Protein backbone atom coordinates (compact mmCIF):
# COMPACT_ATOMS: atom_id res chain seq x y z
CA MET A 1 0.00 0.00 0.00
CA CYS A 2 1.47 3.34 -0.99
CA HIS A 3 2.16 6.08 1.54
CA GLY A 4 -1.06 7.71 2.77
CA CYS A 5 -3.24 5.75 0.36
CA THR A 6 -6.18 3.48 1.11
CA THR A 7 -6.16 1.62 -2.20
CA TRP A 8 -3.79 -1.14 -3.27
CA CYS A 9 -1.40 0.04 -5.94
CA ALA A 10 -2.37 -2.97 -8.02
CA VAL A 11 -5.53 -1.11 -9.07
CA GLY A 12 -3.41 0.99 -11.40
CA ARG A 13 -1.91 4.46 -11.46
CA SER A 14 -4.93 5.98 -13.18
CA ARG A 15 -7.11 5.13 -10.16
CA CYS A 16 -4.56 5.98 -7.46
CA ARG A 17 -4.69 9.64 -6.47
CA ARG A 18 -1.54 9.34 -4.39
CA ALA A 19 0.36 7.98 -7.37
CA LEU A 20 -0.82 10.91 -9.49
CA GLN A 21 0.30 13.30 -6.78
CA ASN A 22 3.67 11.54 -6.72
CA ARG A 23 3.99 12.11 -10.46
CA ARG A 24 3.71 15.83 -9.77
CA GLY A 25 6.79 15.71 -7.58
CA ALA A 26 5.81 14.61 -4.07
CA TRP A 27 8.29 11.75 -3.83
CA PHE A 28 9.19 9.76 -0.73
CA PRO A 29 12.85 8.75 -0.22
CA VAL A 30 12.23 5.35 1.41
CA PRO A 31 9.94 2.41 0.67
CA VAL A 32 6.79 2.08 2.70
CA PRO A 33 6.59 -0.53 5.49
CA CYS A 34 6.57 -4.12 4.28
CA ARG A 35 3.30 -5.96 4.28
CA LEU A 36 3.51 -9.70 4.88
CA ARG A 37 1.05 -12.06 3.30
CA SER A 38 0.91 -15.81 3.87
CA LEU A 39 0.88 -18.37 1.09
CA THR A 40 -0.38 -21.72 2.25
CA ALA A 41 0.42 -25.06 0.65
CA PRO A 42 -0.25 -28.57 1.91
CA SER A 43 1.60 -28.94 5.25
CA ARG A 44 3.65 -25.82 4.56
CA ALA A 45 3.31 -22.06 5.06
CA LEU A 46 5.31 -19.44 3.20
CA THR A 47 5.44 -15.68 3.57
CA PHE A 48 6.35 -13.14 0.98
CA THR A 49 6.55 -9.38 0.93
CA GLU A 50 4.39 -7.04 -1.12
CA TYR A 51 5.38 -3.42 -1.05
CA ALA A 52 5.37 -0.24 -3.10
CA VAL A 53 8.35 1.91 -4.03
CA PRO A 54 7.83 5.46 -5.36
CA ASP A 55 9.64 6.38 -8.55
CA LYS A 56 9.40 9.11 -11.17
CA VAL A 57 6.74 7.23 -13.12
CA GLY A 58 4.41 6.09 -10.40
CA ILE A 59 4.12 3.30 -7.85
CA LYS A 60 5.63 -0.09 -8.58
CA THR A 61 4.23 -3.05 -6.70
CA ILE A 62 6.59 -5.98 -6.33
CA CYS A 63 5.84 -9.47 -5.06
CA LEU A 64 8.41 -11.92 -3.78
CA HIS A 65 8.44 -14.95 -6.08
CA ILE A 66 9.70 -18.18 -4.57
CA LYS A 67 11.14 -21.16 -6.43
CA TRP A 68 9.04 -23.95 -5.00
CA MET A 69 10.81 -27.07 -3.81
CA PRO A 70 9.39 -30.54 -4.54
CA ALA A 71 8.48 -30.93 -0.87
CA ILE A 72 6.03 -28.02 -0.98
CA LYS A 73 4.56 -28.30 -4.45
CA GLY A 74 0.81 -28.00 -4.56
CA ARG A 75 -2.05 -25.64 -4.95
CA VAL A 76 -1.29 -22.27 -3.42
CA GLY A 77 -3.92 -20.03 -1.88
CA ILE A 78 -3.73 -16.51 -0.51
CA ALA A 79 -4.63 -16.01 3.12
CA PRO A 80 -5.93 -12.77 4.69
CA VAL A 81 -3.27 -10.17 5.31
CA GLN A 82 -2.39 -8.03 8.31
CA MET A 83 0.26 -5.40 8.96
CA LEU A 84 3.34 -6.68 10.75
CA SER A 85 6.27 -4.68 12.03
CA PRO A 86 9.87 -5.91 11.65
CA GLU A 87 9.98 -6.49 15.42
CA VAL A 88 7.22 -9.08 15.09
CA VAL A 89 9.22 -11.03 12.52
CA MET A 90 12.62 -10.60 14.14
CA SER A 91 12.43 -11.68 17.76
CA SER A 92 15.68 -10.82 19.49
CA PRO A 93 16.90 -11.04 23.10
CA LEU A 94 19.01 -7.88 22.74
CA ASP A 95 17.25 -4.61 23.49
CA ARG A 96 17.32 -1.69 21.10
CA GLU A 97 19.91 0.21 23.11
CA SER A 98 22.34 -2.71 22.99
CA LYS A 99 21.75 -3.20 19.28
CA SER A 100 22.34 0.52 18.67
CA ILE A 101 25.61 0.43 20.62
CA ILE A 102 26.82 -2.58 18.63
CA GLU A 103 25.88 -0.95 15.32
CA ASN A 104 27.64 2.32 16.15
CA THR A 105 30.72 0.42 17.32
CA LEU A 106 30.90 -1.57 14.09
CA LEU A 107 30.40 1.55 11.97
CA ARG A 108 33.35 3.22 13.71
CA PHE A 109 35.40 0.07 13.23
CA ILE A 110 34.70 0.09 9.49
CA ALA A 111 35.43 3.81 9.16
CA GLU A 112 38.78 3.50 10.94
CA SER A 113 40.00 0.07 9.82
CA TYR A 114 38.43 -0.40 6.39
CA GLU A 115 38.80 2.96 4.72
CA PRO A 116 38.46 2.18 0.96
CA SER A 117 41.97 3.23 -0.07
CA ALA A 118 43.57 1.27 2.79
CA ARG A 119 41.53 -1.79 1.94
CA HIS A 120 42.53 -1.48 -1.70
CA GLN A 121 46.19 -1.51 -0.72
CA ARG A 122 45.67 -4.73 1.23
CA VAL A 123 43.94 -6.37 -1.73
CA ARG A 124 46.79 -5.50 -4.09
CA GLN A 125 49.28 -7.34 -1.92
CA GLY A 126 50.15 -10.91 -2.78
CA HIS A 127 49.04 -12.05 0.66
CA VAL A 128 46.09 -10.55 2.54
CA ASP A 129 46.39 -10.75 6.31
CA CYS A 130 42.83 -11.81 7.10
CA LEU A 131 43.49 -11.68 10.86
CA LEU A 132 44.88 -8.15 10.95
CA HIS A 133 41.94 -6.76 12.95
CA TRP A 134 40.84 -10.00 14.61
CA GLY A 135 42.13 -8.91 18.01
CA LEU A 136 40.37 -5.57 17.68
CA LEU A 137 37.05 -7.29 16.97
CA ALA A 138 37.58 -9.32 20.13
CA GLN A 139 38.30 -6.17 22.16
CA LEU A 140 35.10 -4.62 20.84
CA GLY A 141 33.18 -7.66 22.06
CA VAL A 142 31.86 -8.55 18.62
CA LEU A 143 33.23 -12.10 18.70
CA GLY A 144 31.10 -12.81 21.77
CA LEU A 145 27.84 -11.92 20.04
CA PRO A 146 26.91 -15.50 18.98
CA PHE A 147 27.68 -17.02 22.40
CA GLU A 148 25.41 -17.20 25.43
CA GLU A 149 26.01 -15.02 28.46
CA ALA A 150 26.86 -18.11 30.51
CA PHE A 151 30.01 -18.44 28.39
CA GLY A 152 30.86 -14.75 28.71
CA GLY A 153 29.26 -13.75 25.42
CA LEU A 154 26.56 -11.24 24.57
CA GLY A 155 23.80 -13.81 24.09
CA GLY A 156 22.74 -12.57 20.67
CA ALA A 157 20.18 -14.50 18.65
CA SER A 158 20.51 -15.17 14.93
CA ALA A 159 18.59 -11.96 14.22
CA ASP A 160 21.19 -9.96 16.18
CA ILE A 161 24.00 -11.76 14.37
CA ALA A 162 22.39 -10.95 11.02
CA ASP A 163 22.16 -7.26 11.95
CA ALA A 164 25.84 -7.15 12.92
CA VAL A 165 26.91 -8.99 9.78
CA THR A 166 24.93 -6.57 7.61
CA VAL A 167 26.85 -3.65 9.10
CA LEU A 168 30.23 -5.39 8.79
CA ALA A 169 29.45 -6.26 5.17
CA LYS A 170 29.59 -2.60 4.20
CA GLY A 171 33.32 -2.67 4.97
CA LEU A 172 33.91 -5.85 2.92
CA ILE A 173 35.95 -7.15 5.83
CA PHE A 174 38.43 -10.01 5.47
CA GLU A 175 38.19 -11.35 9.03
CA PRO A 176 36.44 -14.76 9.44
CA PHE A 177 33.61 -13.55 11.68
CA ILE A 178 30.95 -15.74 10.06
CA GLU A 179 33.18 -18.77 9.56
CA SER A 180 34.80 -18.83 13.01
CA ALA A 181 32.52 -16.99 15.44
CA VAL A 182 29.12 -17.89 13.98
CA ILE A 183 29.38 -21.28 12.25
CA ALA A 184 32.20 -22.92 14.19
CA GLY A 185 31.15 -21.10 17.37
CA THR A 186 27.71 -22.69 17.22
CA VAL A 187 29.31 -26.15 17.27
CA LEU A 188 31.91 -25.20 19.88
CA ALA A 189 29.19 -24.16 22.32
CA ARG A 190 27.68 -27.65 22.12
CA GLY A 191 30.70 -29.73 23.07
CA ARG A 192 30.02 -32.68 25.35
CA ASP A 193 32.85 -32.00 27.83
CA PRO A 194 32.06 -28.91 29.97
CA GLU A 195 35.69 -28.10 30.75
CA GLN A 196 36.91 -28.35 27.16
CA ARG A 197 33.82 -26.51 25.93
CA GLY A 198 34.33 -23.60 28.31
CA GLN A 199 38.01 -23.29 27.42
CA ALA A 200 37.35 -23.39 23.67
CA VAL A 201 34.53 -20.83 23.82
CA THR A 202 36.61 -18.49 25.99
CA GLN A 203 39.45 -18.63 23.47
CA ALA A 204 37.00 -17.89 20.65
CA ILE A 205 35.46 -14.88 22.43
CA GLU A 206 38.87 -13.44 23.33
CA GLY A 207 40.14 -13.89 19.77
CA ALA A 208 42.91 -16.22 20.96
CA SER A 209 42.00 -18.86 18.39
CA VAL A 210 40.34 -19.17 15.00
CA THR A 211 38.29 -22.26 14.18
CA ALA A 212 37.22 -23.48 10.74
CA MET A 213 34.35 -25.88 10.08
CA LEU A 214 35.28 -28.76 7.77
CA GLY A 215 32.74 -31.19 6.41
CA GLY A 216 29.01 -31.40 6.82
CA ARG A 217 28.44 -28.51 4.43
CA SER A 218 27.19 -30.26 1.32
CA GLY A 219 24.07 -32.22 0.61
CA VAL A 220 26.32 -35.31 0.54
CA PRO A 221 26.50 -36.25 4.23
CA ASP A 222 29.59 -38.47 4.04
CA GLN A 223 32.26 -36.15 2.67
CA LEU A 224 34.44 -37.35 5.52
CA SER A 225 34.34 -40.83 7.00
CA PHE A 226 35.97 -42.06 10.18
CA LYS A 227 36.71 -45.35 11.84
CA LYS A 228 37.66 -45.94 15.44
CA THR A 229 40.98 -47.56 16.35
CA PRO A 230 42.57 -48.43 19.71
CA GLU A 231 44.74 -45.31 19.44
CA GLY A 232 41.95 -42.93 18.34
CA TYR A 233 40.29 -42.32 14.98
CA ARG A 234 41.24 -42.33 11.30
CA LEU A 235 39.72 -39.92 8.78
CA SER A 236 39.36 -40.25 5.01
CA GLY A 237 37.74 -38.02 2.41
CA ASN A 238 37.99 -34.85 0.34
CA LEU A 239 36.76 -31.34 1.09
CA SER A 240 36.64 -28.33 -1.21
CA LEU A 241 36.16 -24.59 -0.84
CA ILE A 242 36.89 -24.34 2.88
CA PRO A 243 37.34 -20.65 3.82
CA PHE A 244 40.20 -19.82 6.21
CA ALA A 245 41.25 -23.47 6.50
CA GLU A 246 44.98 -22.75 6.52
CA GLN A 247 44.64 -19.67 8.76
CA ALA A 248 42.66 -21.50 11.46
CA ASP A 249 44.20 -22.71 14.71
CA PHE A 250 41.66 -25.52 15.07
CA TRP A 251 39.55 -27.58 12.70
CA LEU A 252 36.09 -28.90 13.46
CA LEU A 253 35.73 -32.05 11.35
CA MET A 254 32.26 -33.43 10.60
CA ALA A 255 32.41 -37.12 9.63
CA VAL A 256 30.31 -40.30 9.71
CA ASP A 257 31.21 -43.90 10.45
CA SER A 258 30.26 -47.00 8.48
CA ASP A 259 26.83 -47.07 10.17
CA GLY A 260 26.09 -43.46 9.27
CA THR A 261 26.50 -42.16 12.82
CA PRO A 262 27.90 -38.60 12.72
CA ALA A 263 30.64 -37.19 14.90
CA ILE A 264 32.46 -33.87 15.11
CA PHE A 265 36.15 -33.74 16.03
CA ARG A 266 38.13 -30.71 17.19
CA VAL A 267 41.77 -31.03 16.18
CA PRO A 268 44.70 -28.57 16.12
CA ARG A 269 45.46 -27.73 12.50
CA SER A 270 49.24 -27.80 12.97
CA GLU A 271 49.10 -31.34 14.37
CA THR A 272 46.86 -32.80 11.66
CA ARG A 273 48.52 -34.45 8.69
CA ALA A 274 46.35 -33.59 5.70
CA HIS A 275 46.97 -32.46 2.12
CA VAL A 276 46.01 -28.77 1.91
CA ALA A 277 45.84 -26.86 -1.38
CA SER A 278 45.41 -23.16 -0.60
CA TYR A 279 44.21 -20.40 -2.92
CA ARG A 280 42.53 -17.00 -2.90
CA LEU A 281 38.91 -16.51 -3.74
CA MET A 282 37.94 -13.78 -6.18
CA ASP A 283 37.00 -11.46 -3.29
CA GLY A 284 40.47 -11.77 -1.74
CA LYS A 285 39.60 -14.16 1.08
CA PRO A 286 41.66 -17.35 1.50
CA ALA A 287 40.28 -20.85 1.03
CA ALA A 288 41.60 -24.37 0.56
CA ASP A 289 40.85 -27.87 -0.69
CA ILE A 290 41.74 -30.58 1.83
CA ARG A 291 42.29 -34.32 1.46
CA PHE A 292 42.49 -36.84 4.31
CA ASP A 293 44.13 -40.19 3.52
CA ASP A 294 43.51 -42.44 6.53
CA THR A 295 44.71 -39.60 8.76
CA ALA A 296 45.12 -40.47 12.44
CA ILE A 297 43.71 -38.17 15.12
CA PRO A 298 43.78 -38.64 18.94
CA LEU A 299 40.92 -40.24 20.86
CA LEU A 300 40.23 -37.15 22.97
CA THR A 301 39.49 -34.99 19.93
CA ALA A 302 35.87 -36.20 19.69
CA TRP A 303 33.86 -33.03 20.40
CA VAL A 304 30.28 -34.23 20.03
CA GLN A 305 28.83 -37.46 18.65
CA GLY A 306 25.59 -39.07 17.57
CA GLU A 307 22.32 -37.16 17.47
CA ALA A 308 23.88 -34.24 19.34
CA ALA A 309 26.37 -33.81 16.48
CA ARG A 310 23.56 -33.85 13.95
CA GLU A 311 21.58 -31.22 15.87
CA ALA A 312 24.64 -29.00 16.29
CA MET A 313 25.39 -29.20 12.58
CA ASP A 314 21.75 -28.54 11.74
CA LEU A 315 21.72 -25.30 13.73
CA ALA A 316 25.13 -24.28 12.39
CA SER A 317 23.94 -24.73 8.80
CA ARG A 318 20.83 -22.60 9.40
CA ARG A 319 22.90 -19.87 11.03
CA ALA A 320 25.36 -20.04 8.13
CA VAL A 321 22.62 -19.44 5.55
CA SER A 322 21.18 -16.60 7.63
CA ALA A 323 24.56 -14.92 8.18
CA TYR A 324 25.71 -15.22 4.57
CA CYS A 325 22.37 -13.85 3.33
CA ALA A 326 22.75 -10.91 5.73
CA ASP A 327 26.29 -10.39 4.43
CA ALA A 328 24.98 -10.24 0.87
CA VAL A 329 22.26 -7.77 1.91
CA GLY A 330 24.89 -5.47 3.43
CA VAL A 331 27.02 -5.59 0.29
CA MET A 332 24.00 -4.84 -1.89
CA ALA A 333 23.12 -1.87 0.33
CA LEU A 334 26.65 -0.54 -0.15
CA LEU A 335 26.34 -0.95 -3.92
CA LEU A 336 23.09 1.01 -3.97
CA GLU A 337 24.66 3.78 -1.92
CA VAL A 338 27.70 4.02 -4.18
CA THR A 339 25.65 3.78 -7.38
CA GLY A 340 23.14 6.40 -6.21
CA GLU A 341 25.96 8.82 -5.43
CA TYR A 342 27.47 8.19 -8.86
CA LEU A 343 24.17 8.86 -10.62
CA ARG A 344 23.80 12.15 -8.76
CA THR A 345 27.32 13.41 -9.47
CA ARG A 346 28.22 12.02 -12.91
CA VAL A 347 27.44 14.70 -15.50
CA GLN A 348 26.89 13.91 -19.17
CA PHE A 349 25.33 16.10 -21.87
CA GLY A 350 25.27 18.89 -19.32
CA VAL A 351 23.06 17.10 -16.78
CA ALA A 352 23.48 14.45 -14.09
CA ILE A 353 22.92 10.99 -15.53
CA GLY A 354 20.55 10.31 -12.65
CA THR A 355 17.97 12.43 -14.45
CA PHE A 356 17.78 9.90 -17.29
CA GLN A 357 14.54 7.95 -17.01
CA ALA A 358 16.08 4.65 -18.13
CA LEU A 359 18.68 4.79 -15.35
CA GLN A 360 16.02 5.79 -12.82
CA HIS A 361 14.04 2.66 -13.68
CA ARG A 362 17.11 0.43 -13.46
CA TYR A 363 18.10 1.94 -10.13
CA ALA A 364 14.54 1.39 -8.85
CA ASP A 365 14.83 -2.27 -9.85
CA MET A 366 18.08 -2.51 -7.87
CA HIS A 367 16.38 -0.98 -4.86
CA MET A 368 13.43 -3.35 -5.04
CA GLY A 369 15.75 -6.33 -5.33
CA LEU A 370 17.53 -5.20 -2.18
CA VAL A 371 14.26 -4.80 -0.24
CA GLN A 372 13.15 -8.26 -1.31
CA ALA A 373 16.42 -9.73 -0.04
CA GLN A 374 16.12 -7.79 3.21
CA ALA A 375 12.59 -9.07 3.80
CA ILE A 376 13.37 -12.76 3.31
CA THR A 377 16.63 -12.46 5.30
CA ARG A 378 14.74 -10.92 8.24
CA GLU A 379 12.20 -13.71 8.09
CA LEU A 380 14.91 -16.37 8.06
CA ALA A 381 16.98 -14.78 10.83
CA GLY A 382 13.93 -14.48 13.06
CA ARG A 383 13.11 -18.18 12.74
CA VAL A 384 16.55 -19.82 12.72
CA ASP A 385 16.89 -20.43 16.45
CA ALA A 386 13.29 -21.55 16.97
CA ALA A 387 13.06 -23.77 13.91
CA THR A 388 12.85 -27.52 14.35
CA SER A 389 14.25 -30.07 11.96
CA GLY A 390 12.40 -29.91 8.65
CA ASP A 391 10.33 -26.72 8.93
CA HIS A 392 13.30 -24.46 8.15
CA THR A 393 14.28 -26.17 4.88
CA TRP A 394 11.78 -24.34 2.69
CA LEU A 395 12.75 -20.98 4.18
CA CYS A 396 16.47 -21.58 3.60
CA PHE A 397 15.72 -22.47 -0.02
CA ALA A 398 13.54 -19.38 -0.40
CA ALA A 399 16.20 -17.09 1.07
CA SER A 400 18.88 -18.63 -1.13
CA SER A 401 16.79 -18.14 -4.26
CA VAL A 402 15.74 -14.56 -3.52
CA VAL A 403 19.14 -13.34 -2.30
CA GLU A 404 21.01 -14.98 -5.18
CA ARG A 405 18.71 -13.40 -7.75
CA ALA A 406 18.89 -9.99 -6.07
CA ALA A 407 22.69 -10.17 -5.74
CA LYS A 408 23.07 -10.91 -9.43
CA LEU A 409 20.73 -8.07 -10.38
CA VAL A 410 22.25 -5.46 -8.06
CA GLY A 411 25.85 -6.40 -8.83
CA GLN A 412 25.47 -6.44 -12.59
CA GLU A 413 23.35 -3.29 -12.76
CA ALA A 414 25.85 -1.39 -10.59
CA ILE A 415 28.66 -2.30 -12.97
CA GLN A 416 26.52 -1.45 -15.99
CA MET A 417 25.64 2.03 -14.68
CA HIS A 418 29.27 2.78 -13.80
CA GLY A 419 30.39 1.72 -17.26
CA GLY A 420 33.85 0.30 -17.87
CA MET A 421 35.12 1.76 -14.61
CA GLY A 422 32.82 -0.60 -12.73
CA VAL A 423 35.09 -3.58 -13.36
CA THR A 424 38.35 -1.90 -12.34
CA ASP A 425 40.10 -2.54 -9.03
CA GLU A 426 40.12 1.18 -8.27
CA LEU A 427 36.35 1.29 -7.71
CA ILE A 428 34.68 -0.50 -4.81
CA VAL A 429 31.94 -1.67 -7.20
CA SER A 430 34.04 -4.49 -8.63
CA HIS A 431 35.03 -5.67 -5.15
CA CYS A 432 31.38 -5.70 -4.05
CA ASN A 433 30.38 -7.74 -7.06
CA ALA A 434 33.20 -10.23 -6.42
CA ARG A 435 32.07 -10.61 -2.81
CA LEU A 436 28.49 -11.23 -3.94
CA VAL A 437 29.61 -13.97 -6.34
CA VAL A 438 31.48 -15.76 -3.55
CA LEU A 439 28.62 -15.33 -1.08
CA THR A 440 26.04 -16.83 -3.42
CA ARG A 441 28.27 -19.89 -3.86
CA LEU A 442 28.65 -20.31 -0.10
CA ILE A 443 24.94 -19.80 0.53
CA ARG A 444 24.10 -22.51 -1.98
CA ALA A 445 26.53 -24.93 -0.34
CA TRP A 446 25.09 -24.39 3.15
CA VAL A 447 21.52 -24.61 1.86
CA ASP A 448 22.36 -28.08 0.56
CA GLN A 449 23.52 -29.03 4.06
CA SER A 450 20.39 -27.54 5.62
CA ALA A 451 18.22 -29.60 3.28
CA ALA A 452 20.19 -32.77 4.04
CA SER A 453 19.95 -32.30 7.80
CA GLY A 454 16.29 -31.31 7.66
CA SER A 455 15.18 -34.23 5.54
């Protein structure tokens, strides 16, 4: 519903007085509040966002289209609608004051540590120190956000983590906050031994160690297999595209035995004999492919086993999808900000190119893609912690589909509107697009794991 109007925009501009008034120049700088409508299918419920965005032609109404999964195919009906605020969707244990303090702290961190020219100099180096500001993030308390207060953390829910990641994304940071603090941290906090668990979580919060999650990320559940021996365990299998594998102090290895029983092992990276092939991703972050050939690990490295390991990995995969989607949303927001400034300042034929109607329409499409991604990411983040096995799968698929499509649209349109300069290293636009490409690949991988664990 458009601002101040009592008629759905779908009735058409000719019948919408507010739209006609908008055409005379009364434009609004932000989209109106989202309106959530439920789509019901057999044994499934799905929400999408319908909203209106003012532009120089009128009011555009956009609906969130979802790629339906086989599990929820069926006749779709439209249920009655009601207005919902973001707070209703995003339940969070942190109060607004705490969230505001965290946001302001992260914004100052980005302004001081990730100034664009300084970041560009780091990217141009042959080796990017991805842990340069890791200790500073620990001092700011950010690394404790995913952990409960009983461990000395901030007790943030997935919605709070998503908000923090969205802010950090605008700096295109290199530090492994999602990989170590969020994904691996979720598993660390569920170790079976209280003493080892407390020590590991304390090290993670203080920034004394970095942990990488290996295995359990693809729809194939047995990437790594293990067998028990009198001396400990032996691991076999191949892993690909593991971010920060070589930079981590510890590895969390997800594997299954011959009976299909899962287990997660926590091993020091320096003491594990594995074949590691390191490389840089297109956004500058490090990653590696790892091969285990009957590798021996000690008996005491078993962190969590059986159903507890499956549940820990299930929650970690949901948080991974939520965090990576929030990261992509933050990068897209940065692209819109940069592109909007460029359209306002770039002069051609004696006028700013932002006055060209074609570019206005394309920029409006970018904006609507961003709002779609924000809506589905909020919905996912608000349900991650409360979701039970199975009911989150459709939402992870929906978020993956919407965010991936929006990231492709926003990234490509930003480059197109900047022209040839948009693909150069000197402009932040190319770096944002590279980050979006990597994020969509990681989101897809973790969605596969979420589907496997939820089935």
